[in-house]
Amino acid sequence: MVSIRTDTSIGAVREVGRIVARALGAAQEAAAAGVRPRDLDEGALAVLEAADATSPFLGCLPDRAPVPFPPCCAWPPRRGRPRHAGRRPAP
Protein backbone atom coordinates (compact mmCIF):
# COMPACT_ATOMS: atom_id res chain seq x y z
CA MET A 1 0.00 0.00 0.00
CA VAL A 2 1.36 3.41 -0.95
CA SER A 3 1.01 6.12 1.64
CA ILE A 4 0.55 9.68 0.41
CA ARG A 5 2.40 12.23 2.53
CA THR A 6 0.90 15.61 3.16
CA ASP A 7 2.79 18.88 2.99
CA THR A 8 2.38 19.12 6.77
CA SER A 9 3.98 15.73 7.44
CA ILE A 10 6.81 16.42 4.99
CA GLY A 11 7.42 19.77 6.71
CA ALA A 12 7.52 18.08 10.12
CA VAL A 13 10.08 15.52 8.93
CA ARG A 14 12.14 18.31 7.37
CA GLU A 15 12.17 20.24 10.68
CA VAL A 16 13.23 17.13 12.61
CA GLY A 17 16.06 16.64 10.13
CA ARG A 18 17.22 20.21 10.73
CA ILE A 19 17.22 19.71 14.50
CA VAL A 20 19.20 16.47 14.20
CA ALA A 21 21.67 18.18 11.85
CA ARG A 22 22.19 21.00 14.39
CA ALA A 23 22.73 18.49 17.23
CA LEU A 24 25.25 16.47 15.23
CA GLY A 25 26.91 19.69 14.05
CA ALA A 26 27.34 20.83 17.66
CA ALA A 27 28.98 17.52 18.53
CA GLN A 28 31.23 17.71 15.47
CA GLU A 29 32.31 21.28 16.25
CA ALA A 30 33.14 20.36 19.84
CA ALA A 31 35.04 17.20 18.90
CA ALA A 32 38.75 17.53 19.53
CA ALA A 33 41.53 15.64 21.23
CA GLY A 34 40.87 15.47 24.95
CA VAL A 35 37.15 16.23 24.76
CA ARG A 36 35.14 13.62 26.62
CA PRO A 37 32.28 11.85 24.82
CA ARG A 38 30.03 12.98 27.66
CA ASP A 39 30.81 16.62 26.74
CA LEU A 40 29.81 15.97 23.14
CA ASP A 41 26.55 14.43 24.32
CA GLU A 42 25.81 17.35 26.60
CA GLY A 43 26.25 19.79 23.70
CA ALA A 44 24.01 17.74 21.41
CA LEU A 45 21.40 17.35 24.14
CA ALA A 46 21.44 21.13 24.72
CA VAL A 47 20.54 21.62 21.04
CA LEU A 48 17.69 19.14 21.38
CA GLU A 49 16.41 20.81 24.54
CA ALA A 50 16.58 24.27 22.92
CA ALA A 51 14.39 22.91 20.11
CA ASP A 52 12.02 21.32 22.67
CA ALA A 53 12.94 17.92 21.23
CA THR A 54 14.18 14.64 22.69
CA SER A 55 16.09 11.61 21.48
CA PRO A 56 13.82 8.58 21.04
CA PHE A 57 16.67 6.31 22.17
CA LEU A 58 17.51 7.91 25.52
CA GLY A 59 16.88 5.38 28.25
CA CYS A 60 15.69 2.74 25.77
CA LEU A 61 16.59 -0.74 27.01
CA PRO A 62 16.83 -3.13 24.06
CA ASP A 63 16.40 -6.86 24.51
CA ARG A 64 19.52 -8.53 25.90
CA ALA A 65 21.20 -5.20 26.73
CA PRO A 66 22.53 -4.89 30.28
CA VAL A 67 21.95 -1.12 30.46
CA PRO A 68 19.84 1.46 28.58
CA PHE A 69 21.23 3.34 25.60
CA PRO A 70 23.68 6.03 26.61
CA PRO A 71 23.05 9.68 25.81
CA CYS A 72 22.56 11.16 22.44
CA CYS A 73 25.33 10.39 19.99
CA ALA A 74 28.88 10.02 21.26
CA TRP A 75 29.41 6.55 22.66
CA PRO A 76 30.89 4.34 19.93
CA PRO A 77 32.27 0.94 20.86
CA ARG A 78 35.95 0.86 21.73
CA ARG A 79 38.30 -0.13 18.96
CA GLY A 80 39.08 -3.81 19.00
CA ARG A 81 36.16 -4.53 21.32
CA PRO A 82 33.28 -6.44 19.77
CA ARG A 83 29.89 -4.73 19.86
CA HIS A 84 28.45 -7.54 21.97
CA ALA A 85 31.11 -7.34 24.67
CA GLY A 86 29.59 -6.91 28.09
CA ARG A 87 26.10 -7.89 27.04
CA ARG A 88 24.29 -10.81 28.55
CA PRO A 89 24.03 -13.83 26.26
CA ALA A 90 20.69 -14.53 24.65
CA PRO A 91 18.50 -17.00 26.60
PDB file of N, CA and C in Angstrom:
ATOM      1  N   MET A   1       0.841  -1.175   0.000  1.00  0.00           N
ATOM      2  CA  MET A   1       0.000   0.000   0.000  1.00  0.00           C
ATOM      3  C   MET A   1       0.892   1.246   0.000  1.00  0.00           C
ATOM      4  N   VAL A   2       0.608   2.166  -0.860  1.00  0.00           N
ATOM      5  CA  VAL A   2       1.363   3.407  -0.955  1.00  0.00           C
ATOM      6  C   VAL A   2       0.703   4.445  -0.059  1.00  0.00           C
ATOM      7  N   SER A   3       1.516   5.089   0.745  1.00  0.00           N
ATOM      8  CA  SER A   3       1.006   6.119   1.638  1.00  0.00           C
ATOM      9  C   SER A   3       1.340   7.488   1.061  1.00  0.00           C
ATOM     10  N   ILE A   4       0.348   8.335   0.940  1.00  0.00           N
ATOM     11  CA  ILE A   4       0.554   9.678   0.413  1.00  0.00           C
ATOM     12  C   ILE A   4       0.868  10.600   1.589  1.00  0.00           C
ATOM     13  N   ARG A   5       1.991  11.292   1.485  1.00  0.00           N
ATOM     14  CA  ARG A   5       2.396  12.234   2.533  1.00  0.00           C
ATOM     15  C   ARG A   5       1.811  13.607   2.243  1.00  0.00           C
ATOM     16  N   THR A   6       1.416  14.263   3.316  1.00  0.00           N
ATOM     17  CA  THR A   6       0.897  15.613   3.164  1.00  0.00           C
ATOM     18  C   THR A   6       2.041  16.615   3.276  1.00  0.00           C
ATOM     19  N   ASP A   7       1.789  17.821   2.846  1.00  0.00           N
ATOM     20  CA  ASP A   7       2.791  18.882   2.989  1.00  0.00           C
ATOM     21  C   ASP A   7       3.132  19.102   4.460  1.00  0.00           C
ATOM     22  N   THR A   8       2.153  18.938   5.333  1.00  0.00           N
ATOM     23  CA  THR A   8       2.380  19.117   6.768  1.00  0.00           C
ATOM     24  C   THR A   8       3.324  18.056   7.304  1.00  0.00           C
ATOM     25  N   SER A   9       3.106  16.789   6.942  1.00  0.00           N
ATOM     26  CA  SER A   9       3.980  15.731   7.443  1.00  0.00           C
ATOM     27  C   SER A   9       5.386  15.843   6.858  1.00  0.00           C
ATOM     28  N   ILE A  10       5.484  16.235   5.605  1.00  0.00           N
ATOM     29  CA  ILE A  10       6.806  16.422   4.993  1.00  0.00           C
ATOM     30  C   ILE A  10       7.529  17.572   5.682  1.00  0.00           C
ATOM     31  N   GLY A  11       6.822  18.640   5.997  1.00  0.00           N
ATOM     32  CA  GLY A  11       7.419  19.772   6.710  1.00  0.00           C
ATOM     33  C   GLY A  11       7.893  19.391   8.100  1.00  0.00           C
ATOM     34  N   ALA A  12       7.128  18.529   8.782  1.00  0.00           N
ATOM     35  CA  ALA A  12       7.524  18.082  10.119  1.00  0.00           C
ATOM     36  C   ALA A  12       8.796  17.243  10.058  1.00  0.00           C
ATOM     37  N   VAL A  13       8.877  16.348   9.090  1.00  0.00           N
ATOM     38  CA  VAL A  13      10.075  15.520   8.926  1.00  0.00           C
ATOM     39  C   VAL A  13      11.276  16.402   8.579  1.00  0.00           C
ATOM     40  N   ARG A  14      11.060  17.389   7.746  1.00  0.00           N
ATOM     41  CA  ARG A  14      12.139  18.314   7.372  1.00  0.00           C
ATOM     42  C   ARG A  14      12.663  19.049   8.609  1.00  0.00           C
ATOM     43  N   GLU A  15      11.760  19.526   9.461  1.00  0.00           N
ATOM     44  CA  GLU A  15      12.171  20.242  10.675  1.00  0.00           C
ATOM     45  C   GLU A  15      12.940  19.325  11.622  1.00  0.00           C
ATOM     46  N   VAL A  16      12.497  18.088  11.769  1.00  0.00           N
ATOM     47  CA  VAL A  16      13.228  17.133  12.606  1.00  0.00           C
ATOM     48  C   VAL A  16      14.635  16.918  12.048  1.00  0.00           C
ATOM     49  N   GLY A  17      14.748  16.793  10.748  1.00  0.00           N
ATOM     50  CA  GLY A  17      16.061  16.635  10.128  1.00  0.00           C
ATOM     51  C   GLY A  17      16.970  17.818  10.411  1.00  0.00           C
ATOM     52  N   ARG A  18      16.415  19.009  10.418  1.00  0.00           N
ATOM     53  CA  ARG A  18      17.218  20.207  10.725  1.00  0.00           C
ATOM     54  C   ARG A  18      17.702  20.197  12.175  1.00  0.00           C
ATOM     55  N   ILE A  19      16.837  19.775  13.079  1.00  0.00           N
ATOM     56  CA  ILE A  19      17.219  19.705  14.498  1.00  0.00           C
ATOM     57  C   ILE A  19      18.334  18.678  14.690  1.00  0.00           C
ATOM     58  N   VAL A  20      18.179  17.513  14.087  1.00  0.00           N
ATOM     59  CA  VAL A  20      19.203  16.471  14.199  1.00  0.00           C
ATOM     60  C   VAL A  20      20.519  16.965  13.598  1.00  0.00           C
ATOM     61  N   ALA A  21      20.447  17.655  12.473  1.00  0.00           N
ATOM     62  CA  ALA A  21      21.667  18.185  11.849  1.00  0.00           C
ATOM     63  C   ALA A  21      22.358  19.188  12.775  1.00  0.00           C
ATOM     64  N   ARG A  22      21.587  20.038  13.452  1.00  0.00           N
ATOM     65  CA  ARG A  22      22.191  21.000  14.392  1.00  0.00           C
ATOM     66  C   ARG A  22      22.828  20.279  15.570  1.00  0.00           C
ATOM     67  N   ALA A  23      22.177  19.236  16.090  1.00  0.00           N
ATOM     68  CA  ALA A  23      22.728  18.486  17.231  1.00  0.00           C
ATOM     69  C   ALA A  23      24.024  17.789  16.834  1.00  0.00           C
ATOM     70  N   LEU A  24      24.034  17.140  15.684  1.00  0.00           N
ATOM     71  CA  LEU A  24      25.251  16.471  15.235  1.00  0.00           C
ATOM     72  C   LEU A  24      26.341  17.483  14.886  1.00  0.00           C
ATOM     73  N   GLY A  25      25.947  18.630  14.347  1.00  0.00           N
ATOM     74  CA  GLY A  25      26.907  19.686  14.048  1.00  0.00           C
ATOM     75  C   GLY A  25      27.563  20.223  15.310  1.00  0.00           C
ATOM     76  N   ALA A  26      26.777  20.368  16.387  1.00  0.00           N
ATOM     77  CA  ALA A  26      27.336  20.828  17.661  1.00  0.00           C
ATOM     78  C   ALA A  26      28.351  19.829  18.193  1.00  0.00           C
ATOM     79  N   ALA A  27      28.038  18.551  18.080  1.00  0.00           N
ATOM     80  CA  ALA A  27      28.981  17.519  18.526  1.00  0.00           C
ATOM     81  C   ALA A  27      30.236  17.530  17.671  1.00  0.00           C
ATOM     82  N   GLN A  28      30.076  17.693  16.378  1.00  0.00           N
ATOM     83  CA  GLN A  28      31.227  17.710  15.474  1.00  0.00           C
ATOM     84  C   GLN A  28      32.120  18.918  15.751  1.00  0.00           C
ATOM     85  N   GLU A  29      31.525  20.079  15.980  1.00  0.00           N
ATOM     86  CA  GLU A  29      32.315  21.282  16.254  1.00  0.00           C
ATOM     87  C   GLU A  29      33.087  21.159  17.561  1.00  0.00           C
ATOM     88  N   ALA A  30      32.493  20.490  18.539  1.00  0.00           N
ATOM     89  CA  ALA A  30      33.143  20.359  19.843  1.00  0.00           C
ATOM     90  C   ALA A  30      34.187  19.250  19.868  1.00  0.00           C
ATOM     91  N   ALA A  31      34.136  18.350  18.896  1.00  0.00           N
ATOM     92  CA  ALA A  31      35.038  17.203  18.901  1.00  0.00           C
ATOM     93  C   ALA A  31      36.488  17.646  18.688  1.00  0.00           C
ATOM     94  N   ALA A  32      37.317  17.240  19.609  1.00  0.00           N
ATOM     95  CA  ALA A  32      38.751  17.532  19.529  1.00  0.00           C
ATOM     96  C   ALA A  32      39.457  16.582  20.484  1.00  0.00           C
ATOM     97  N   ALA A  33      40.757  16.488  20.328  1.00  0.00           N
ATOM     98  CA  ALA A  33      41.533  15.639  21.230  1.00  0.00           C
ATOM     99  C   ALA A  33      41.322  16.108  22.666  1.00  0.00           C
ATOM    100  N   GLY A  34      41.043  15.171  23.537  1.00  0.00           N
ATOM    101  CA  GLY A  34      40.874  15.473  24.953  1.00  0.00           C
ATOM    102  C   GLY A  34      39.446  15.786  25.377  1.00  0.00           C
ATOM    103  N   VAL A  35      38.547  15.967  24.419  1.00  0.00           N
ATOM    104  CA  VAL A  35      37.153  16.233  24.763  1.00  0.00           C
ATOM    105  C   VAL A  35      36.483  14.901  25.087  1.00  0.00           C
ATOM    106  N   ARG A  36      35.799  14.858  26.210  1.00  0.00           N
ATOM    107  CA  ARG A  36      35.138  13.618  26.618  1.00  0.00           C
ATOM    108  C   ARG A  36      33.864  13.394  25.802  1.00  0.00           C
ATOM    109  N   PRO A  37      33.545  12.139  25.506  1.00  0.00           N
ATOM    110  CA  PRO A  37      32.283  11.851  24.818  1.00  0.00           C
ATOM    111  C   PRO A  37      31.077  12.426  25.554  1.00  0.00           C
ATOM    112  N   ARG A  38      31.142  12.435  26.861  1.00  0.00           N
ATOM    113  CA  ARG A  38      30.034  12.984  27.656  1.00  0.00           C
ATOM    114  C   ARG A  38      29.825  14.465  27.317  1.00  0.00           C
ATOM    115  N   ASP A  39      30.923  15.208  27.092  1.00  0.00           N
ATOM    116  CA  ASP A  39      30.811  16.622  26.740  1.00  0.00           C
ATOM    117  C   ASP A  39      30.134  16.795  25.373  1.00  0.00           C
ATOM    118  N   LEU A  40      30.457  15.912  24.447  1.00  0.00           N
ATOM    119  CA  LEU A  40      29.805  15.967  23.137  1.00  0.00           C
ATOM    120  C   LEU A  40      28.311  15.712  23.266  1.00  0.00           C
ATOM    121  N   ASP A  41      27.963  14.734  24.088  1.00  0.00           N
ATOM    122  CA  ASP A  41      26.553  14.429  24.316  1.00  0.00           C
ATOM    123  C   ASP A  41      25.821  15.597  24.950  1.00  0.00           C
ATOM    124  N   GLU A  42      26.470  16.236  25.927  1.00  0.00           N
ATOM    125  CA  GLU A  42      25.809  17.354  26.601  1.00  0.00           C
ATOM    126  C   GLU A  42      25.528  18.486  25.618  1.00  0.00           C
ATOM    127  N   GLY A  43      26.473  18.753  24.708  1.00  0.00           N
ATOM    128  CA  GLY A  43      26.246  19.786  23.697  1.00  0.00           C
ATOM    129  C   GLY A  43      25.115  19.433  22.751  1.00  0.00           C
ATOM    130  N   ALA A  44      25.084  18.185  22.314  1.00  0.00           N
ATOM    131  CA  ALA A  44      24.015  17.745  21.412  1.00  0.00           C
ATOM    132  C   ALA A  44      22.668  17.760  22.124  1.00  0.00           C
ATOM    133  N   LEU A  45      22.652  17.339  23.381  1.00  0.00           N
ATOM    134  CA  LEU A  45      21.398  17.354  24.140  1.00  0.00           C
ATOM    135  C   LEU A  45      20.913  18.783  24.376  1.00  0.00           C
ATOM    136  N   ALA A  46      21.831  19.723  24.551  1.00  0.00           N
ATOM    137  CA  ALA A  46      21.442  21.128  24.721  1.00  0.00           C
ATOM    138  C   ALA A  46      20.729  21.646  23.473  1.00  0.00           C
ATOM    139  N   VAL A  47      21.212  21.232  22.296  1.00  0.00           N
ATOM    140  CA  VAL A  47      20.544  21.621  21.042  1.00  0.00           C
ATOM    141  C   VAL A  47      19.145  21.031  20.995  1.00  0.00           C
ATOM    142  N   LEU A  48      19.010  19.770  21.379  1.00  0.00           N
ATOM    143  CA  LEU A  48      17.686  19.139  21.382  1.00  0.00           C
ATOM    144  C   LEU A  48      16.749  19.841  22.356  1.00  0.00           C
ATOM    145  N   GLU A  49      17.250  20.143  23.538  1.00  0.00           N
ATOM    146  CA  GLU A  49      16.412  20.815  24.537  1.00  0.00           C
ATOM    147  C   GLU A  49      15.996  22.208  24.074  1.00  0.00           C
ATOM    148  N   ALA A  50      16.904  22.936  23.432  1.00  0.00           N
ATOM    149  CA  ALA A  50      16.576  24.270  22.922  1.00  0.00           C
ATOM    150  C   ALA A  50      15.475  24.205  21.869  1.00  0.00           C
ATOM    151  N   ALA A  51      15.420  23.098  21.145  1.00  0.00           N
ATOM    152  CA  ALA A  51      14.392  22.908  20.111  1.00  0.00           C
ATOM    153  C   ALA A  51      13.152  22.226  20.677  1.00  0.00           C
ATOM    154  N   ASP A  52      13.124  22.025  21.998  1.00  0.00           N
ATOM    155  CA  ASP A  52      12.020  21.317  22.667  1.00  0.00           C
ATOM    156  C   ASP A  52      11.828  19.934  22.045  1.00  0.00           C
ATOM    157  N   ALA A  53      12.955  19.248  21.825  1.00  0.00           N
ATOM    158  CA  ALA A  53      12.945  17.916  21.229  1.00  0.00           C
ATOM    159  C   ALA A  53      13.659  16.946  22.168  1.00  0.00           C
ATOM    160  N   THR A  54      13.496  15.669  21.924  1.00  0.00           N
ATOM    161  CA  THR A  54      14.182  14.638  22.695  1.00  0.00           C
ATOM    162  C   THR A  54      14.723  13.581  21.738  1.00  0.00           C
ATOM    163  N   SER A  55      15.608  12.742  22.257  1.00  0.00           N
ATOM    164  CA  SER A  55      16.090  11.608  21.482  1.00  0.00           C
ATOM    165  C   SER A  55      15.191  10.414  21.793  1.00  0.00           C
ATOM    166  N   PRO A  56      14.688   9.720  20.774  1.00  0.00           N
ATOM    167  CA  PRO A  56      13.817   8.579  21.040  1.00  0.00           C
ATOM    168  C   PRO A  56      14.562   7.399  21.659  1.00  0.00           C
ATOM    169  N   PHE A  57      15.892   7.435  21.667  1.00  0.00           N
ATOM    170  CA  PHE A  57      16.666   6.312  22.166  1.00  0.00           C
ATOM    171  C   PHE A  57      17.142   6.492  23.602  1.00  0.00           C
ATOM    172  N   LEU A  58      17.037   7.691  24.155  1.00  0.00           N
ATOM    173  CA  LEU A  58      17.511   7.912  25.521  1.00  0.00           C
ATOM    174  C   LEU A  58      16.757   7.015  26.490  1.00  0.00           C
ATOM    175  N   GLY A  59      17.489   6.244  27.258  1.00  0.00           N
ATOM    176  CA  GLY A  59      16.881   5.378  28.251  1.00  0.00           C
ATOM    177  C   GLY A  59      16.240   4.126  27.692  1.00  0.00           C
ATOM    178  N   CYS A  60      16.277   3.931  26.387  1.00  0.00           N
ATOM    179  CA  CYS A  60      15.689   2.741  25.774  1.00  0.00           C
ATOM    180  C   CYS A  60      16.524   1.519  26.161  1.00  0.00           C
ATOM    181  N   LEU A  61      15.897   0.482  26.613  1.00  0.00           N
ATOM    182  CA  LEU A  61      16.588  -0.738  27.006  1.00  0.00           C
ATOM    183  C   LEU A  61      16.238  -1.854  26.022  1.00  0.00           C
ATOM    184  N   PRO A  62      17.105  -2.079  25.037  1.00  0.00           N
ATOM    185  CA  PRO A  62      16.829  -3.130  24.061  1.00  0.00           C
ATOM    186  C   PRO A  62      16.902  -4.514  24.696  1.00  0.00           C
ATOM    187  N   ASP A  63      16.300  -5.473  24.050  1.00  0.00           N
ATOM    188  CA  ASP A  63      16.397  -6.859  24.510  1.00  0.00           C
ATOM    189  C   ASP A  63      17.857  -7.261  24.619  1.00  0.00           C
ATOM    190  N   ARG A  64      18.185  -7.981  25.654  1.00  0.00           N
ATOM    191  CA  ARG A  64      19.519  -8.532  25.896  1.00  0.00           C
ATOM    192  C   ARG A  64      20.577  -7.482  26.195  1.00  0.00           C
ATOM    193  N   ALA A  65      20.208  -6.227  26.388  1.00  0.00           N
ATOM    194  CA  ALA A  65      21.198  -5.202  26.733  1.00  0.00           C
ATOM    195  C   ALA A  65      21.248  -5.064  28.248  1.00  0.00           C
ATOM    196  N   PRO A  66      22.441  -4.983  28.828  1.00  0.00           N
ATOM    197  CA  PRO A  66      22.532  -4.891  30.281  1.00  0.00           C
ATOM    198  C   PRO A  66      22.155  -3.521  30.827  1.00  0.00           C
ATOM    199  N   VAL A  67      22.277  -2.478  30.014  1.00  0.00           N
ATOM    200  CA  VAL A  67      21.955  -1.116  30.455  1.00  0.00           C
ATOM    201  C   VAL A  67      21.236  -0.392  29.317  1.00  0.00           C
ATOM    202  N   PRO A  68      20.502   0.689  29.645  1.00  0.00           N
ATOM    203  CA  PRO A  68      19.843   1.464  28.584  1.00  0.00           C
ATOM    204  C   PRO A  68      20.859   2.133  27.664  1.00  0.00           C
ATOM    205  N   PHE A  69      20.360   2.597  26.510  1.00  0.00           N
ATOM    206  CA  PHE A  69      21.225   3.340  25.597  1.00  0.00           C
ATOM    207  C   PHE A  69      21.824   4.520  26.337  1.00  0.00           C
ATOM    208  N   PRO A  70      23.072   4.837  26.030  1.00  0.00           N
ATOM    209  CA  PRO A  70      23.683   6.031  26.612  1.00  0.00           C
ATOM    210  C   PRO A  70      23.108   7.279  25.960  1.00  0.00           C
ATOM    211  N   PRO A  71      23.564   8.438  26.391  1.00  0.00           N
ATOM    212  CA  PRO A  71      23.045   9.675  25.814  1.00  0.00           C
ATOM    213  C   PRO A  71      23.190   9.753  24.308  1.00  0.00           C
ATOM    214  N   CYS A  72      22.835  10.832  23.830  1.00  0.00           N
ATOM    215  CA  CYS A  72      22.560  11.163  22.444  1.00  0.00           C
ATOM    216  C   CYS A  72      23.394  10.491  21.362  1.00  0.00           C
ATOM    217  N   CYS A  73      24.675  10.783  21.235  1.00  0.00           N
ATOM    218  CA  CYS A  73      25.334  10.393  19.992  1.00  0.00           C
ATOM    219  C   CYS A  73      26.786   9.970  20.131  1.00  0.00           C
ATOM    220  N   ALA A  74      27.417  10.079  21.250  1.00  0.00           N
ATOM    221  CA  ALA A  74      28.879  10.023  21.262  1.00  0.00           C
ATOM    222  C   ALA A  74      29.470   8.835  22.002  1.00  0.00           C
ATOM    223  N   TRP A  75      28.863   7.697  21.937  1.00  0.00           N
ATOM    224  CA  TRP A  75      29.408   6.554  22.655  1.00  0.00           C
ATOM    225  C   TRP A  75      29.656   5.388  21.725  1.00  0.00           C
ATOM    226  N   PRO A  76      30.615   5.482  20.813  1.00  0.00           N
ATOM    227  CA  PRO A  76      30.889   4.345  19.931  1.00  0.00           C
ATOM    228  C   PRO A  76      31.587   3.231  20.698  1.00  0.00           C
ATOM    229  N   PRO A  77      31.537   2.006  20.190  1.00  0.00           N
ATOM    230  CA  PRO A  77      32.269   0.937  20.856  1.00  0.00           C
ATOM    231  C   PRO A  77      33.769   1.197  20.777  1.00  0.00           C
ATOM    232  N   ARG A  78      34.488   0.702  21.741  1.00  0.00           N
ATOM    233  CA  ARG A  78      35.946   0.860  21.731  1.00  0.00           C
ATOM    234  C   ARG A  78      36.542   0.076  20.582  1.00  0.00           C
ATOM    235  N   ARG A  79      37.627   0.587  20.037  1.00  0.00           N
ATOM    236  CA  ARG A  79      38.304  -0.125  18.958  1.00  0.00           C
ATOM    237  C   ARG A  79      38.805  -1.472  19.465  1.00  0.00           C
ATOM    238  N   GLY A  80      38.609  -2.487  18.647  1.00  0.00           N
ATOM    239  CA  GLY A  80      39.076  -3.813  19.004  1.00  0.00           C
ATOM    240  C   GLY A  80      38.133  -4.548  19.939  1.00  0.00           C
ATOM    241  N   ARG A  81      37.112  -3.888  20.411  1.00  0.00           N
ATOM    242  CA  ARG A  81      36.159  -4.525  21.323  1.00  0.00           C
ATOM    243  C   ARG A  81      34.894  -4.850  20.537  1.00  0.00           C
ATOM    244  N   PRO A  82      34.485  -6.100  20.525  1.00  0.00           N
ATOM    245  CA  PRO A  82      33.282  -6.444  19.768  1.00  0.00           C
ATOM    246  C   PRO A  82      32.059  -5.727  20.320  1.00  0.00           C
ATOM    247  N   ARG A  83      31.104  -5.445  19.455  1.00  0.00           N
ATOM    248  CA  ARG A  83      29.893  -4.726  19.862  1.00  0.00           C
ATOM    249  C   ARG A  83      29.121  -5.460  20.954  1.00  0.00           C
ATOM    250  N   HIS A  84      29.227  -6.773  20.993  1.00  0.00           N
ATOM    251  CA  HIS A  84      28.450  -7.539  21.965  1.00  0.00           C
ATOM    252  C   HIS A  84      29.146  -7.671  23.297  1.00  0.00           C
ATOM    253  N   ALA A  85      30.374  -7.181  23.425  1.00  0.00           N
ATOM    254  CA  ALA A  85      31.111  -7.337  24.673  1.00  0.00           C
ATOM    255  C   ALA A  85      30.351  -6.703  25.831  1.00  0.00           C
ATOM    256  N   GLY A  86      30.256  -7.417  26.900  1.00  0.00           N
ATOM    257  CA  GLY A  86      29.587  -6.908  28.089  1.00  0.00           C
ATOM    258  C   GLY A  86      28.095  -7.152  28.122  1.00  0.00           C
ATOM    259  N   ARG A  87      27.536  -7.605  27.042  1.00  0.00           N
ATOM    260  CA  ARG A  87      26.099  -7.895  27.037  1.00  0.00           C
ATOM    261  C   ARG A  87      25.842  -9.302  27.540  1.00  0.00           C
ATOM    262  N   ARG A  88      24.684  -9.472  28.106  1.00  0.00           N
ATOM    263  CA  ARG A  88      24.286 -10.807  28.547  1.00  0.00           C
ATOM    264  C   ARG A  88      24.009 -11.674  27.331  1.00  0.00           C
ATOM    265  N   PRO A  89      24.344 -12.953  27.397  1.00  0.00           N
ATOM    266  CA  PRO A  89      24.027 -13.829  26.259  1.00  0.00           C
ATOM    267  C   PRO A  89      22.520 -14.012  26.119  1.00  0.00           C
ATOM    268  N   ALA A  90      22.102 -14.292  24.907  1.00  0.00           N
ATOM    269  CA  ALA A  90      20.691 -14.530  24.647  1.00  0.00           C
ATOM    270  C   ALA A  90      20.233 -15.784  25.378  1.00  0.00           C
ATOM    271  N   PRO A  91      19.001 -15.790  25.887  1.00  0.00           N
ATOM    272  CA  PRO A  91      18.503 -17.002  26.596  1.00  0.00           C
ATOM    273  C   PRO A  91      18.298 -18.160  25.643  1.00  0.00           C
TER     274      PRO A  91
END
